[in-house]
């Protein structure tokens, strides 16, 4: 693309890619024309990589050699190099780049971009993991993500469908009702919202339909905050965040007994709830192939 020549060892490239090995063995990659005087020897073989930029080819070659690998500042930089590695059957390099693409520093900060890259390159497992991570962020587009141009409308539709299915499935986990699913505390009656009921005036202690007993008012405050957070970001991290815990803990601080135990119990319960949320999301995600054409 950039009309830049790179010299590399045929042996190294042959080890790295069966495609290159076959090209060199049959001589079909030779771009040397009879009578052409360009400084190449008869043993030279030219591998035309006309669709890749010089920067991409350079990074690809560096990854073939036992030298310091390229550094990546964003998932966008990995995208064209990974695409080239897949195209030229550089399997070991592809595996390395796929792991780099899914590293926490990229996955946590730009999951939608990684989802788009994975869909473009038909990486179903990576697309599924990235889709789950998009749930940790509100679906608000503050700027265009250029990689979305490579994604089909069907993949984007599935992402929105998955988000809605997850939202509906996990918000009920934070509901205290006869039909709700808050049963993570049912086998443990030592939670502070059960044992501290007697310290409140009777009318202040609401009835729990799920547990058939009175509980502290701030228990319902937490569930309300958790349900609201899950409707925006249907991920386990939503129910353990300080912003979700804060209102309930502020209410609990008004009670001498609750104030000393509320944080530890609520933090412990929120982790159990987060695990249940993430398990449900994983079950739903496993029913999706975001890269399928239909």
Protein backbone atom coordinates (compact mmCIF):
# COMPACT_ATOMS: atom_id res chain seq x y z
CA UNK A 1 0.00 0.00 0.00
CA UNK A 2 2.82 2.40 0.95
CA UNK A 3 5.30 1.06 -1.66
CA UNK A 4 7.80 0.15 1.04
CA UNK A 5 10.02 -2.95 0.77
CA UNK A 6 10.95 -5.01 3.81
CA UNK A 7 13.69 -7.63 3.73
CA UNK A 8 13.16 -10.69 5.90
CA UNK A 9 14.54 -14.21 6.18
CA UNK A 10 12.57 -16.82 4.27
CA UNK A 11 13.33 -19.40 6.94
CA UNK A 12 11.84 -17.23 9.69
CA UNK A 13 8.71 -16.51 7.67
CA UNK A 14 8.37 -20.17 6.69
CA UNK A 15 8.45 -21.21 10.33
CA UNK A 16 5.92 -18.54 11.22
CA UNK A 17 3.36 -19.28 8.51
CA UNK A 18 2.48 -22.35 6.43
CA UNK A 19 1.20 -19.94 3.78
CA UNK A 20 4.61 -18.32 3.42
CA UNK A 21 6.28 -21.74 3.50
CA UNK A 22 4.17 -22.95 0.61
CA UNK A 23 4.69 -19.76 -1.36
CA UNK A 24 8.44 -20.01 -1.04
CA UNK A 25 8.54 -23.73 -1.80
CA UNK A 26 6.73 -23.43 -5.12
CA UNK A 27 8.17 -20.08 -6.05
CA UNK A 28 4.81 -18.52 -6.83
CA UNK A 29 5.53 -15.46 -4.77
CA UNK A 30 8.36 -14.26 -6.91
CA UNK A 31 7.85 -10.76 -8.12
CA UNK A 32 11.20 -10.65 -9.96
CA UNK A 33 10.70 -10.13 -13.67
CA UNK A 34 13.24 -11.21 -16.31
CA UNK A 35 15.50 -8.35 -17.26
CA UNK A 36 14.49 -6.36 -14.19
CA UNK A 37 17.47 -4.76 -12.51
CA UNK A 38 16.35 -3.69 -9.05
CA UNK A 39 19.18 -5.07 -6.94
CA UNK A 40 17.38 -8.29 -6.03
CA UNK A 41 19.17 -11.59 -6.42
CA UNK A 42 17.65 -14.55 -8.19
CA UNK A 43 17.09 -16.18 -4.79
CA UNK A 44 14.91 -13.31 -3.62
CA UNK A 45 11.21 -13.90 -3.27
CA UNK A 46 8.69 -11.10 -3.08
CA UNK A 47 5.56 -11.47 -0.97
CA UNK A 48 3.18 -8.75 -2.11
CA UNK A 49 1.28 -7.29 0.85
CA UNK A 50 -0.48 -4.50 -1.00
CA UNK A 51 -3.46 -4.16 1.34
CA UNK A 52 -1.42 -3.52 4.50
CA UNK A 53 0.34 -0.30 5.46
CA UNK A 54 4.08 -0.23 6.04
CA UNK A 55 3.47 0.24 9.77
CA UNK A 56 1.34 -2.91 9.94
CA UNK A 57 3.87 -4.98 7.97
CA UNK A 58 6.71 -3.75 10.17
CA UNK A 59 4.88 -4.72 13.37
CA UNK A 60 3.97 -8.08 11.86
CA UNK A 61 7.59 -8.82 10.97
CA UNK A 62 8.81 -7.75 14.40
CA UNK A 63 6.46 -10.30 15.92
CA UNK A 64 8.02 -13.00 13.74
CA UNK A 65 11.49 -12.40 15.17
CA UNK A 66 12.85 -12.95 18.70
CA UNK A 67 13.13 -9.21 19.37
CA UNK A 68 11.29 -6.67 21.51
CA UNK A 69 7.64 -6.82 20.38
CA UNK A 70 5.70 -3.70 19.41
CA UNK A 71 3.89 -1.79 22.13
CA UNK A 72 0.18 -1.12 21.88
CA UNK A 73 -1.51 2.02 23.11
CA UNK A 74 -5.01 1.06 22.04
CA UNK A 75 -7.05 -1.80 20.64
CA UNK A 76 -7.26 0.13 17.36
CA UNK A 77 -3.54 -0.41 16.82
CA UNK A 78 -3.86 -4.15 17.29
CA UNK A 79 -6.79 -4.50 14.89
CA UNK A 80 -5.02 -4.23 11.48
CA UNK A 81 -2.03 -6.25 12.64
CA UNK A 82 -4.23 -9.05 13.95
CA UNK A 83 -6.24 -8.97 10.72
CA UNK A 84 -3.01 -9.38 8.72
CA UNK A 85 -1.79 -12.17 11.02
CA UNK A 86 -5.02 -14.10 10.44
CA UNK A 87 -4.90 -13.42 6.71
CA UNK A 88 -1.33 -14.72 6.34
CA UNK A 89 -1.89 -17.69 8.69
CA UNK A 90 0.53 -16.50 11.35
CA UNK A 91 -1.15 -18.64 13.99
CA UNK A 92 1.22 -18.07 16.92
CA UNK A 93 1.19 -14.33 16.34
CA UNK A 94 -2.60 -14.36 16.00
CA UNK A 95 -2.90 -16.09 19.36
CA UNK A 96 -0.57 -13.56 20.97
CA UNK A 97 -2.47 -10.62 19.53
CA UNK A 98 -5.84 -12.06 20.50
CA UNK A 99 -4.64 -12.28 24.10
CA UNK A 100 -3.34 -8.73 23.93
CA UNK A 101 -6.63 -7.51 22.50
CA UNK A 102 -8.49 -9.07 25.42
CA UNK A 103 -6.16 -7.75 28.11
CA UNK A 104 -7.95 -6.02 31.02
CA UNK A 105 -6.52 -2.59 30.18
CA UNK A 106 -8.34 -2.62 26.82
CA UNK A 107 -11.35 -4.75 27.72
CA UNK A 108 -12.33 -2.57 30.66
CA UNK A 109 -11.86 0.76 28.91
CA UNK A 110 -13.11 0.07 25.38
CA UNK A 111 -15.26 -3.10 25.30
CA UNK A 112 -17.49 -1.88 22.46
CA UNK A 113 -14.45 -1.28 20.25
CA UNK A 114 -13.15 -4.75 21.02
CA UNK A 115 -16.59 -6.19 20.29
CA UNK A 116 -16.54 -4.53 16.87
CA UNK A 117 -13.01 -5.75 16.13
CA UNK A 118 -13.88 -9.30 17.19
CA UNK A 119 -17.01 -9.35 15.04
CA UNK A 120 -15.07 -8.02 12.05
CA UNK A 121 -12.45 -10.77 12.40
CA UNK A 122 -15.04 -13.48 13.18
CA UNK A 123 -13.65 -14.12 16.66
CA UNK A 124 -16.78 -15.46 18.33
CA UNK A 125 -15.33 -16.12 21.79
CA UNK A 126 -13.73 -12.70 22.00
CA UNK A 127 -16.92 -11.03 20.78
CA UNK A 128 -18.92 -12.78 23.49
CA UNK A 129 -16.53 -11.73 26.26
CA UNK A 130 -16.47 -8.15 24.98
CA UNK A 131 -20.28 -8.11 24.80
CA UNK A 132 -20.46 -9.07 28.48
CA UNK A 133 -18.03 -6.27 29.35
CA UNK A 134 -20.15 -3.71 27.50
CA UNK A 135 -22.77 -4.30 30.17
CA UNK A 136 -20.49 -2.63 32.69
CA UNK A 137 -21.01 0.66 30.92
CA UNK A 138 -24.21 2.54 30.07
CA UNK A 139 -25.09 2.24 26.39
CA UNK A 140 -24.37 5.88 25.62
CA UNK A 141 -22.42 6.76 22.49
CA UNK A 142 -20.38 9.87 23.21
CA UNK A 143 -18.38 9.56 20.02
CA UNK A 144 -18.20 7.43 16.91
CA UNK A 145 -16.21 4.22 17.15
CA UNK A 146 -14.66 3.76 13.73
CA UNK A 147 -14.47 -0.02 14.03
CA UNK A 148 -18.27 -0.21 13.97
CA UNK A 149 -18.11 0.38 10.23
CA UNK A 150 -16.86 -3.19 9.87
CA UNK A 151 -19.72 -4.72 11.89
CA UNK A 152 -22.98 -5.91 10.40
CA UNK A 153 -26.25 -4.43 11.61
CA UNK A 154 -27.21 -7.96 12.67
CA UNK A 155 -24.30 -8.14 15.13
CA UNK A 156 -25.21 -4.74 16.56
CA UNK A 157 -28.84 -5.82 16.89
CA UNK A 158 -27.77 -8.96 18.76
CA UNK A 159 -25.69 -6.85 21.12
CA UNK A 160 -28.70 -4.68 21.99
CA UNK A 161 -30.92 -7.76 22.26
CA UNK A 162 -28.41 -9.41 24.59
CA UNK A 163 -28.26 -6.30 26.74
CA UNK A 164 -32.04 -6.16 27.08
CA UNK A 165 -32.30 -9.88 27.84
CA UNK A 166 -29.62 -9.52 30.51
CA UNK A 167 -31.29 -6.46 32.01
CA UNK A 168 -34.62 -8.23 32.38
CA UNK A 169 -33.03 -11.35 33.83
CA UNK A 170 -30.83 -9.69 36.46
CA UNK A 171 -33.03 -6.87 37.75
CA UNK A 172 -35.40 -9.42 39.28
CA UNK A 173 -32.49 -10.73 41.33
CA UNK A 174 -32.71 -7.53 43.36
CA UNK A 175 -36.43 -7.78 44.10
CA UNK A 176 -37.87 -8.77 47.48
CA UNK A 177 -41.26 -10.22 46.56
CA UNK A 178 -43.11 -13.52 46.32
CA UNK A 179 -42.01 -13.80 42.71
CA UNK A 180 -38.60 -12.24 43.18
CA UNK A 181 -35.30 -14.03 43.29
CA UNK A 182 -33.58 -12.57 46.33
CA UNK A 183 -32.99 -15.90 48.04
CA UNK A 184 -29.27 -15.49 48.67
CA UNK A 185 -29.93 -14.62 52.30
CA UNK A 186 -32.68 -17.14 53.09
CA UNK A 187 -30.45 -19.69 54.82
CA UNK A 188 -28.68 -17.16 57.03
CA UNK A 189 -30.74 -15.41 59.67
CA UNK A 190 -27.76 -13.57 61.18
CA UNK A 191 -27.72 -10.76 58.60
CA UNK A 192 -27.93 -7.43 60.34
CA UNK A 193 -31.11 -6.42 58.49
CA UNK A 194 -32.82 -9.38 60.20
CA UNK A 195 -31.33 -9.17 63.68
CA UNK A 196 -31.59 -5.39 64.07
CA UNK A 197 -35.34 -5.19 63.50
CA UNK A 198 -36.03 -4.81 67.20
CA UNK A 199 -34.08 -1.55 67.42
CA UNK A 200 -36.57 0.23 65.13
CA UNK A 201 -40.08 1.30 66.00
CA UNK A 202 -42.54 -1.27 64.69
CA UNK A 203 -43.96 0.91 61.95
CA UNK A 204 -40.49 1.63 60.63
CA UNK A 205 -39.74 -1.98 59.84
CA UNK A 206 -41.29 -3.02 56.52
CA UNK A 207 -42.50 -6.54 55.88
CA UNK A 208 -40.44 -8.75 53.57
CA UNK A 209 -42.74 -10.79 51.28
CA UNK A 210 -39.85 -13.06 50.43
CA UNK A 211 -38.74 -13.89 53.98
CA UNK A 212 -42.06 -13.49 55.77
CA UNK A 213 -40.60 -11.24 58.41
CA UNK A 214 -39.78 -7.64 59.16
CA UNK A 215 -36.48 -6.23 58.00
CA UNK A 216 -34.67 -2.94 58.41
CA UNK A 217 -35.84 -0.19 56.04
CA UNK A 218 -32.40 0.31 54.55
CA UNK A 219 -32.46 -3.26 53.20
CA UNK A 220 -35.14 -2.17 50.74
CA UNK A 221 -33.19 1.01 50.03
CA UNK A 222 -30.23 -1.10 48.93
CA UNK A 223 -32.39 -3.36 46.77
CA UNK A 224 -33.92 -0.31 45.11
CA UNK A 225 -30.48 1.11 44.38
CA UNK A 226 -29.23 -2.25 43.10
CA UNK A 227 -32.23 -2.71 40.82
CA UNK A 228 -31.85 0.80 39.43
CA UNK A 229 -28.12 0.27 38.83
CA UNK A 230 -28.76 -3.05 37.08
CA UNK A 231 -31.30 -1.49 34.76
CA UNK A 232 -28.60 0.88 33.53
CA UNK A 233 -25.64 -1.49 33.69
CA UNK A 234 -26.71 -5.15 34.01
CA UNK A 235 -23.41 -6.37 35.44
CA UNK A 236 -22.31 -7.70 38.80
CA UNK A 237 -20.03 -4.72 39.34
CA UNK A 238 -23.11 -2.48 39.46
CA UNK A 239 -24.39 -3.91 42.75
CA UNK A 240 -21.05 -3.69 44.57
CA UNK A 241 -20.19 -0.11 43.67
CA UNK A 242 -19.96 2.52 46.39
CA UNK A 243 -22.67 4.58 44.71
CA UNK A 244 -25.10 1.65 44.99
CA UNK A 245 -24.27 0.97 48.64
CA UNK A 246 -24.14 4.58 49.81
CA UNK A 247 -27.81 5.43 50.36
CA UNK A 248 -28.51 2.28 52.37
CA UNK A 249 -25.39 2.72 54.48
CA UNK A 250 -26.31 6.32 55.23
CA UNK A 251 -29.69 5.16 56.53
CA UNK A 252 -28.10 2.36 58.53
CA UNK A 253 -25.73 4.80 60.20
CA UNK A 254 -28.70 6.28 62.09
CA UNK A 255 -28.97 3.06 64.12
CA UNK A 256 -26.29 2.29 66.72
CA UNK A 257 -26.37 -1.44 66.07
CA UNK A 258 -26.72 -1.27 62.30
CA UNK A 259 -23.97 1.30 61.89
CA UNK A 260 -21.34 -1.09 63.23
CA UNK A 261 -22.28 -4.08 61.08
CA UNK A 262 -24.15 -2.77 58.05
CA UNK A 263 -21.11 -2.19 55.85
CA UNK A 264 -19.57 -5.64 56.36
CA UNK A 265 -22.86 -7.49 55.88
CA UNK A 266 -23.99 -5.42 52.91
CA UNK A 267 -20.57 -5.69 51.25
CA UNK A 268 -20.64 -9.46 51.72
CA UNK A 269 -24.19 -9.78 50.42
CA UNK A 270 -23.50 -7.51 47.44
CA UNK A 271 -20.68 -9.81 46.37
CA UNK A 272 -23.04 -12.79 46.49
CA UNK A 273 -25.57 -10.86 44.46
CA UNK A 274 -22.88 -9.80 41.98
CA UNK A 275 -21.85 -13.43 41.49
CA UNK A 276 -25.48 -14.40 40.84
CA UNK A 277 -25.83 -11.54 38.33
CA UNK A 278 -22.65 -12.47 36.47
CA UNK A 279 -23.66 -16.13 36.39
CA UNK A 280 -27.02 -15.25 34.84
CA UNK A 281 -25.38 -12.95 32.28
CA UNK A 282 -22.90 -15.67 31.35
CA UNK A 283 -25.74 -18.15 30.81
CA UNK A 284 -27.45 -15.69 28.48
CA UNK A 285 -24.25 -14.81 26.61
CA UNK A 286 -23.60 -18.46 25.86
CA UNK A 287 -26.78 -18.54 23.78
CA UNK A 288 -25.40 -15.89 21.41
CA UNK A 289 -23.03 -16.05 18.47
CA UNK A 290 -22.48 -12.40 17.67
CA UNK A 291 -20.44 -13.20 14.58
CA UNK A 292 -22.94 -15.51 12.89
CA UNK A 293 -24.44 -14.24 9.66
CA UNK A 294 -27.81 -15.63 10.68
